[in-house]
Amino acid sequence: MTKKLETKRLIIELEKNSRATKKRIWKDLAERIGKPSRNEMDINVEKLDSLAKKFKGKTLVVPGKVLSKGILNEKVKIVAISASEKAVEKINAKGEFVLLRDFISDKVKVSELMIVKWLVWM
């Protein structure tokens, strides 16, 4: 299977942003998103809550989809490729949810970002 056109555009945008800003984090995200779909990350709100407690003040960047299992107790900004409707409701009740394609155009400090990696929540 090939990647969806929207995902390919996101990868291209991340790579362009990486070259323009000279920030490796955008290239790293593009590489993670470009991997085969069997390696795509789905993570529950409850896991994000535990990560938010561990990394207070950081914006959590999920190179995958956020699912709605659990509740969010911490105020946190979560950036992801996509999320279920219920997950977005739960996140916005306590924190803030932003789609990755909308986030890359923002001026962000790399020091405030935390990429959620597969091994972190296993």
N, C-alpha and C. Protein backbone atom coordinates (compact mmCIF):
# COMPACT_ATOMS: atom_id res chain seq x y z
N MET A 1 0.84 -1.19 0.00
CA MET A 1 0.00 0.00 0.00
C MET A 1 0.87 1.24 0.00
N THR A 2 0.42 2.23 -0.67
CA THR A 2 1.15 3.50 -0.68
C THR A 2 0.53 4.45 0.34
N LYS A 3 1.30 5.43 0.71
CA LYS A 3 0.82 6.44 1.65
C LYS A 3 -0.26 7.29 0.99
N LYS A 4 -1.17 7.80 1.80
CA LYS A 4 -2.20 8.69 1.30
C LYS A 4 -1.55 9.97 0.81
N LEU A 5 -2.18 10.61 -0.14
CA LEU A 5 -1.66 11.85 -0.70
C LEU A 5 -1.48 12.91 0.37
N GLU A 6 -2.42 13.01 1.29
CA GLU A 6 -2.34 14.00 2.37
C GLU A 6 -1.10 13.76 3.24
N THR A 7 -0.80 12.50 3.51
CA THR A 7 0.37 12.15 4.31
C THR A 7 1.65 12.48 3.56
N LYS A 8 1.66 12.21 2.26
CA LYS A 8 2.83 12.54 1.45
C LYS A 8 3.08 14.05 1.44
N ARG A 9 2.01 14.82 1.35
CA ARG A 9 2.15 16.28 1.38
C ARG A 9 2.69 16.75 2.72
N LEU A 10 2.24 16.12 3.79
CA LEU A 10 2.71 16.46 5.13
C LEU A 10 4.21 16.18 5.25
N ILE A 11 4.64 15.04 4.74
CA ILE A 11 6.06 14.68 4.77
C ILE A 11 6.89 15.70 4.00
N ILE A 12 6.43 16.10 2.83
CA ILE A 12 7.13 17.10 2.02
C ILE A 12 7.20 18.43 2.77
N GLU A 13 6.11 18.82 3.40
CA GLU A 13 6.08 20.07 4.15
C GLU A 13 7.04 20.03 5.34
N LEU A 14 7.10 18.90 6.04
CA LEU A 14 8.03 18.74 7.15
C LEU A 14 9.49 18.83 6.68
N GLU A 15 9.78 18.19 5.54
CA GLU A 15 11.14 18.24 5.00
C GLU A 15 11.52 19.65 4.58
N LYS A 16 10.59 20.37 3.95
CA LYS A 16 10.85 21.76 3.55
C LYS A 16 11.11 22.63 4.78
N ASN A 17 10.29 22.44 5.80
CA ASN A 17 10.45 23.21 7.03
C ASN A 17 11.78 22.89 7.70
N SER A 18 12.21 21.65 7.63
CA SER A 18 13.50 21.25 8.20
C SER A 18 14.65 21.97 7.51
N ARG A 19 14.58 22.04 6.19
CA ARG A 19 15.63 22.72 5.43
C ARG A 19 15.60 24.23 5.68
N ALA A 20 14.41 24.80 5.74
CA ALA A 20 14.26 26.25 5.90
C ALA A 20 14.71 26.72 7.29
N THR A 21 14.34 25.95 8.32
CA THR A 21 14.64 26.37 9.68
C THR A 21 15.92 25.76 10.23
N LYS A 22 16.46 24.77 9.49
CA LYS A 22 17.66 24.03 9.93
C LYS A 22 17.44 23.36 11.29
N LYS A 23 16.23 22.87 11.50
CA LYS A 23 15.89 22.16 12.74
C LYS A 23 15.63 20.70 12.40
N ARG A 24 16.42 19.83 12.97
CA ARG A 24 16.39 18.40 12.68
C ARG A 24 15.08 17.72 13.10
N ILE A 25 14.38 18.29 14.03
CA ILE A 25 13.16 17.65 14.55
C ILE A 25 12.12 17.44 13.45
N TRP A 26 12.02 18.37 12.51
CA TRP A 26 11.04 18.25 11.43
C TRP A 26 11.41 17.12 10.49
N LYS A 27 12.71 16.96 10.22
CA LYS A 27 13.18 15.87 9.37
C LYS A 27 12.94 14.53 10.06
N ASP A 28 13.18 14.49 11.36
CA ASP A 28 12.95 13.28 12.15
C ASP A 28 11.47 12.87 12.08
N LEU A 29 10.58 13.82 12.23
CA LEU A 29 9.14 13.53 12.13
C LEU A 29 8.77 13.03 10.73
N ALA A 30 9.34 13.65 9.70
CA ALA A 30 9.06 13.22 8.32
C ALA A 30 9.50 11.78 8.11
N GLU A 31 10.66 11.41 8.65
CA GLU A 31 11.15 10.04 8.52
C GLU A 31 10.23 9.06 9.25
N ARG A 32 9.79 9.42 10.44
CA ARG A 32 8.90 8.54 11.22
C ARG A 32 7.56 8.34 10.50
N ILE A 33 7.02 9.41 9.95
CA ILE A 33 5.72 9.33 9.28
C ILE A 33 5.84 8.57 7.96
N GLY A 34 7.01 8.65 7.32
CA GLY A 34 7.22 8.00 6.04
C GLY A 34 7.45 6.51 6.10
N LYS A 35 7.59 5.96 7.30
CA LYS A 35 7.80 4.52 7.44
C LYS A 35 6.54 3.76 7.06
N PRO A 36 6.66 2.46 6.79
CA PRO A 36 5.49 1.66 6.40
C PRO A 36 4.34 1.76 7.40
N SER A 37 3.12 1.62 6.90
CA SER A 37 1.93 1.80 7.73
C SER A 37 1.84 0.77 8.86
N ARG A 38 2.47 -0.37 8.71
CA ARG A 38 2.45 -1.37 9.80
C ARG A 38 3.20 -0.87 11.03
N ASN A 39 4.03 0.17 10.83
CA ASN A 39 4.79 0.75 11.94
C ASN A 39 4.15 2.02 12.48
N GLU A 40 2.96 2.37 11.99
CA GLU A 40 2.31 3.60 12.44
C GLU A 40 1.95 3.49 13.92
N MET A 41 2.01 4.62 14.58
CA MET A 41 1.77 4.66 16.02
C MET A 41 0.35 5.11 16.33
N ASP A 42 -0.33 4.34 17.15
CA ASP A 42 -1.60 4.74 17.74
C ASP A 42 -1.37 4.76 19.24
N ILE A 43 -1.81 5.83 19.89
CA ILE A 43 -1.58 5.95 21.33
C ILE A 43 -2.84 6.45 22.00
N ASN A 44 -3.11 5.96 23.18
CA ASN A 44 -4.31 6.34 23.93
C ASN A 44 -4.07 7.59 24.77
N VAL A 45 -5.17 8.27 25.07
CA VAL A 45 -5.12 9.48 25.90
C VAL A 45 -4.49 9.17 27.26
N GLU A 46 -4.77 8.00 27.83
CA GLU A 46 -4.22 7.66 29.15
C GLU A 46 -2.69 7.59 29.13
N LYS A 47 -2.11 7.11 28.06
CA LYS A 47 -0.65 7.07 27.94
C LYS A 47 -0.09 8.48 27.80
N LEU A 48 -0.80 9.32 27.05
CA LEU A 48 -0.37 10.72 26.90
C LEU A 48 -0.44 11.45 28.24
N ASP A 49 -1.43 11.09 29.06
CA ASP A 49 -1.54 11.71 30.38
C ASP A 49 -0.31 11.37 31.24
N SER A 50 0.11 10.12 31.20
CA SER A 50 1.29 9.73 32.00
C SER A 50 2.55 10.41 31.46
N LEU A 51 2.65 10.57 30.14
CA LEU A 51 3.79 11.28 29.55
C LEU A 51 3.75 12.76 29.89
N ALA A 52 2.55 13.34 29.94
CA ALA A 52 2.40 14.75 30.28
C ALA A 52 2.86 15.01 31.71
N LYS A 53 2.61 14.06 32.60
CA LYS A 53 3.07 14.20 33.99
C LYS A 53 4.59 14.14 34.05
N LYS A 54 5.16 13.27 33.23
CA LYS A 54 6.61 13.08 33.22
C LYS A 54 7.34 14.26 32.58
N PHE A 55 6.76 14.82 31.51
CA PHE A 55 7.39 15.91 30.77
C PHE A 55 6.55 17.18 30.88
N LYS A 56 6.41 17.70 32.07
CA LYS A 56 5.60 18.91 32.30
C LYS A 56 6.13 20.08 31.49
N GLY A 57 5.21 20.84 30.90
CA GLY A 57 5.58 22.03 30.14
C GLY A 57 6.00 21.76 28.71
N LYS A 58 6.07 20.50 28.31
CA LYS A 58 6.45 20.14 26.94
C LYS A 58 5.20 19.94 26.09
N THR A 59 5.35 20.19 24.80
CA THR A 59 4.32 19.88 23.83
C THR A 59 4.60 18.47 23.32
N LEU A 60 3.63 17.58 23.45
CA LEU A 60 3.80 16.19 23.01
C LEU A 60 3.44 16.07 21.54
N VAL A 61 4.38 15.58 20.74
CA VAL A 61 4.17 15.42 19.30
C VAL A 61 4.05 13.93 19.01
N VAL A 62 2.89 13.53 18.49
CA VAL A 62 2.62 12.12 18.21
C VAL A 62 2.67 11.90 16.69
N PRO A 63 3.64 11.13 16.20
CA PRO A 63 3.70 10.85 14.76
C PRO A 63 2.74 9.72 14.39
N GLY A 64 1.48 9.89 14.74
CA GLY A 64 0.46 8.88 14.50
C GLY A 64 -0.90 9.39 14.94
N LYS A 65 -1.75 8.45 15.35
CA LYS A 65 -3.13 8.79 15.72
C LYS A 65 -3.32 8.67 17.23
N VAL A 66 -4.13 9.59 17.78
CA VAL A 66 -4.47 9.56 19.20
C VAL A 66 -5.86 8.92 19.34
N LEU A 67 -5.96 7.92 20.20
CA LEU A 67 -7.23 7.23 20.45
C LEU A 67 -7.77 7.64 21.82
N SER A 68 -9.05 7.37 22.07
CA SER A 68 -9.74 8.00 23.19
C SER A 68 -9.73 7.24 24.52
N LYS A 69 -9.08 6.12 24.64
CA LYS A 69 -9.11 5.36 25.89
C LYS A 69 -8.44 6.14 27.01
N GLY A 70 -9.13 6.27 28.13
CA GLY A 70 -8.58 6.94 29.29
C GLY A 70 -9.02 8.40 29.39
N ILE A 71 -8.48 9.08 30.41
CA ILE A 71 -8.79 10.50 30.59
C ILE A 71 -7.49 11.28 30.73
N LEU A 72 -7.59 12.56 30.43
CA LEU A 72 -6.44 13.45 30.53
C LEU A 72 -6.61 14.32 31.76
N ASN A 73 -5.67 14.22 32.70
CA ASN A 73 -5.72 15.00 33.93
C ASN A 73 -4.77 16.19 33.90
N GLU A 74 -3.78 16.13 33.04
CA GLU A 74 -2.77 17.18 32.96
C GLU A 74 -3.10 18.16 31.85
N LYS A 75 -2.78 19.43 32.08
CA LYS A 75 -2.94 20.44 31.03
C LYS A 75 -1.72 20.31 30.12
N VAL A 76 -1.96 19.97 28.86
CA VAL A 76 -0.86 19.72 27.92
C VAL A 76 -1.32 20.04 26.50
N LYS A 77 -0.37 20.40 25.67
CA LYS A 77 -0.64 20.61 24.25
C LYS A 77 -0.18 19.36 23.53
N ILE A 78 -1.09 18.77 22.74
CA ILE A 78 -0.79 17.55 22.01
C ILE A 78 -0.93 17.82 20.52
N VAL A 79 0.11 17.45 19.78
CA VAL A 79 0.13 17.61 18.33
C VAL A 79 0.21 16.22 17.73
N ALA A 80 -0.67 15.91 16.77
CA ALA A 80 -0.68 14.58 16.16
C ALA A 80 -1.14 14.67 14.71
N ILE A 81 -0.89 13.60 13.97
CA ILE A 81 -1.35 13.53 12.59
C ILE A 81 -2.87 13.51 12.56
N SER A 82 -3.46 12.71 13.45
CA SER A 82 -4.91 12.63 13.53
C SER A 82 -5.32 12.15 14.91
N ALA A 83 -6.62 12.21 15.17
CA ALA A 83 -7.16 11.74 16.44
C ALA A 83 -8.63 11.42 16.26
N SER A 84 -9.13 10.52 17.08
CA SER A 84 -10.56 10.23 17.04
C SER A 84 -11.31 11.42 17.63
N GLU A 85 -12.59 11.52 17.31
CA GLU A 85 -13.40 12.65 17.78
C GLU A 85 -13.44 12.70 19.31
N LYS A 86 -13.62 11.54 19.94
CA LYS A 86 -13.67 11.49 21.40
C LYS A 86 -12.34 11.90 22.02
N ALA A 87 -11.24 11.49 21.39
CA ALA A 87 -9.92 11.86 21.91
C ALA A 87 -9.74 13.37 21.86
N VAL A 88 -10.17 14.00 20.78
CA VAL A 88 -10.05 15.45 20.65
C VAL A 88 -10.88 16.15 21.73
N GLU A 89 -12.09 15.64 21.98
CA GLU A 89 -12.94 16.20 23.04
C GLU A 89 -12.26 16.10 24.41
N LYS A 90 -11.69 14.93 24.71
CA LYS A 90 -11.04 14.72 26.00
C LYS A 90 -9.81 15.61 26.15
N ILE A 91 -9.05 15.75 25.10
CA ILE A 91 -7.84 16.57 25.16
C ILE A 91 -8.21 18.04 25.31
N ASN A 92 -9.17 18.52 24.52
CA ASN A 92 -9.55 19.93 24.57
C ASN A 92 -10.25 20.31 25.87
N ALA A 93 -10.79 19.33 26.58
CA ALA A 93 -11.41 19.61 27.88
C ALA A 93 -10.37 20.04 28.91
N LYS A 94 -9.18 19.54 28.81
CA LYS A 94 -8.14 19.85 29.80
C LYS A 94 -6.94 20.58 29.19
N GLY A 95 -6.65 20.30 27.92
CA GLY A 95 -5.47 20.88 27.27
C GLY A 95 -5.81 21.44 25.91
N GLU A 96 -4.93 21.15 24.95
CA GLU A 96 -5.13 21.66 23.59
C GLU A 96 -4.66 20.61 22.59
N PHE A 97 -5.46 20.39 21.54
CA PHE A 97 -5.09 19.47 20.47
C PHE A 97 -4.90 20.26 19.19
N VAL A 98 -3.79 19.97 18.49
CA VAL A 98 -3.49 20.63 17.21
C VAL A 98 -3.06 19.56 16.22
N LEU A 99 -3.56 19.66 14.99
CA LEU A 99 -3.10 18.75 13.95
C LEU A 99 -1.69 19.13 13.53
N LEU A 100 -0.89 18.15 13.22
CA LEU A 100 0.51 18.39 12.87
C LEU A 100 0.64 19.30 11.65
N ARG A 101 -0.23 19.13 10.66
CA ARG A 101 -0.13 19.97 9.46
C ARG A 101 -0.38 21.45 9.77
N ASP A 102 -1.17 21.74 10.81
CA ASP A 102 -1.40 23.13 11.22
C ASP A 102 -0.28 23.64 12.13
N PHE A 103 0.37 22.74 12.81
CA PHE A 103 1.38 23.11 13.79
C PHE A 103 2.72 23.48 13.15
N ILE A 104 3.07 22.86 12.03
CA ILE A 104 4.40 23.09 11.46
C ILE A 104 4.59 24.49 10.94
N SER A 105 3.50 25.19 10.69
CA SER A 105 3.63 26.57 10.22
C SER A 105 3.86 27.55 11.37
N ASP A 106 3.60 27.10 12.60
CA ASP A 106 3.81 27.95 13.78
C ASP A 106 5.29 28.14 14.05
N LYS A 107 5.61 29.23 14.71
CA LYS A 107 6.97 29.44 15.22
C LYS A 107 7.05 28.73 16.56
N VAL A 108 7.82 27.67 16.62
CA VAL A 108 7.91 26.89 17.85
C VAL A 108 9.36 26.75 18.29
N LYS A 109 9.53 26.61 19.58
CA LYS A 109 10.85 26.35 20.13
C LYS A 109 11.02 24.84 20.22
N VAL A 110 12.07 24.33 19.62
CA VAL A 110 12.32 22.90 19.61
C VAL A 110 12.50 22.36 21.03
N SER A 111 13.02 23.18 21.92
CA SER A 111 13.24 22.74 23.30
C SER A 111 11.93 22.45 24.04
N GLU A 112 10.82 22.95 23.53
CA GLU A 112 9.52 22.73 24.16
C GLU A 112 8.78 21.51 23.60
N LEU A 113 9.38 20.83 22.62
CA LEU A 113 8.73 19.70 21.97
C LEU A 113 9.28 18.38 22.49
N MET A 114 8.39 17.38 22.55
CA MET A 114 8.77 16.03 22.93
C MET A 114 8.08 15.08 21.96
N ILE A 115 8.88 14.39 21.13
CA ILE A 115 8.30 13.42 20.21
C ILE A 115 7.99 12.14 20.99
N VAL A 116 6.76 11.68 20.88
CA VAL A 116 6.35 10.45 21.53
C VAL A 116 6.83 9.30 20.65
N LYS A 117 7.75 8.52 21.19
CA LYS A 117 8.34 7.42 20.43
C LYS A 117 7.68 6.12 20.82
N TRP A 118 7.75 5.16 19.95
CA TRP A 118 7.12 3.86 20.14
C TRP A 118 7.59 3.18 21.41
N LEU A 119 8.87 3.20 21.68
CA LEU A 119 9.42 2.49 22.86
C LEU A 119 9.05 3.16 24.16
N VAL A 120 8.74 4.46 24.12
CA VAL A 120 8.43 5.19 25.36
C VAL A 120 7.17 4.63 26.01
N TRP A 121 6.19 4.28 25.24
CA TRP A 121 4.90 3.91 25.85
C TRP A 121 4.62 2.43 25.78
N MET A 122 5.53 1.63 25.35
CA MET A 122 5.31 0.18 25.29
C MET A 122 5.36 -0.42 26.68
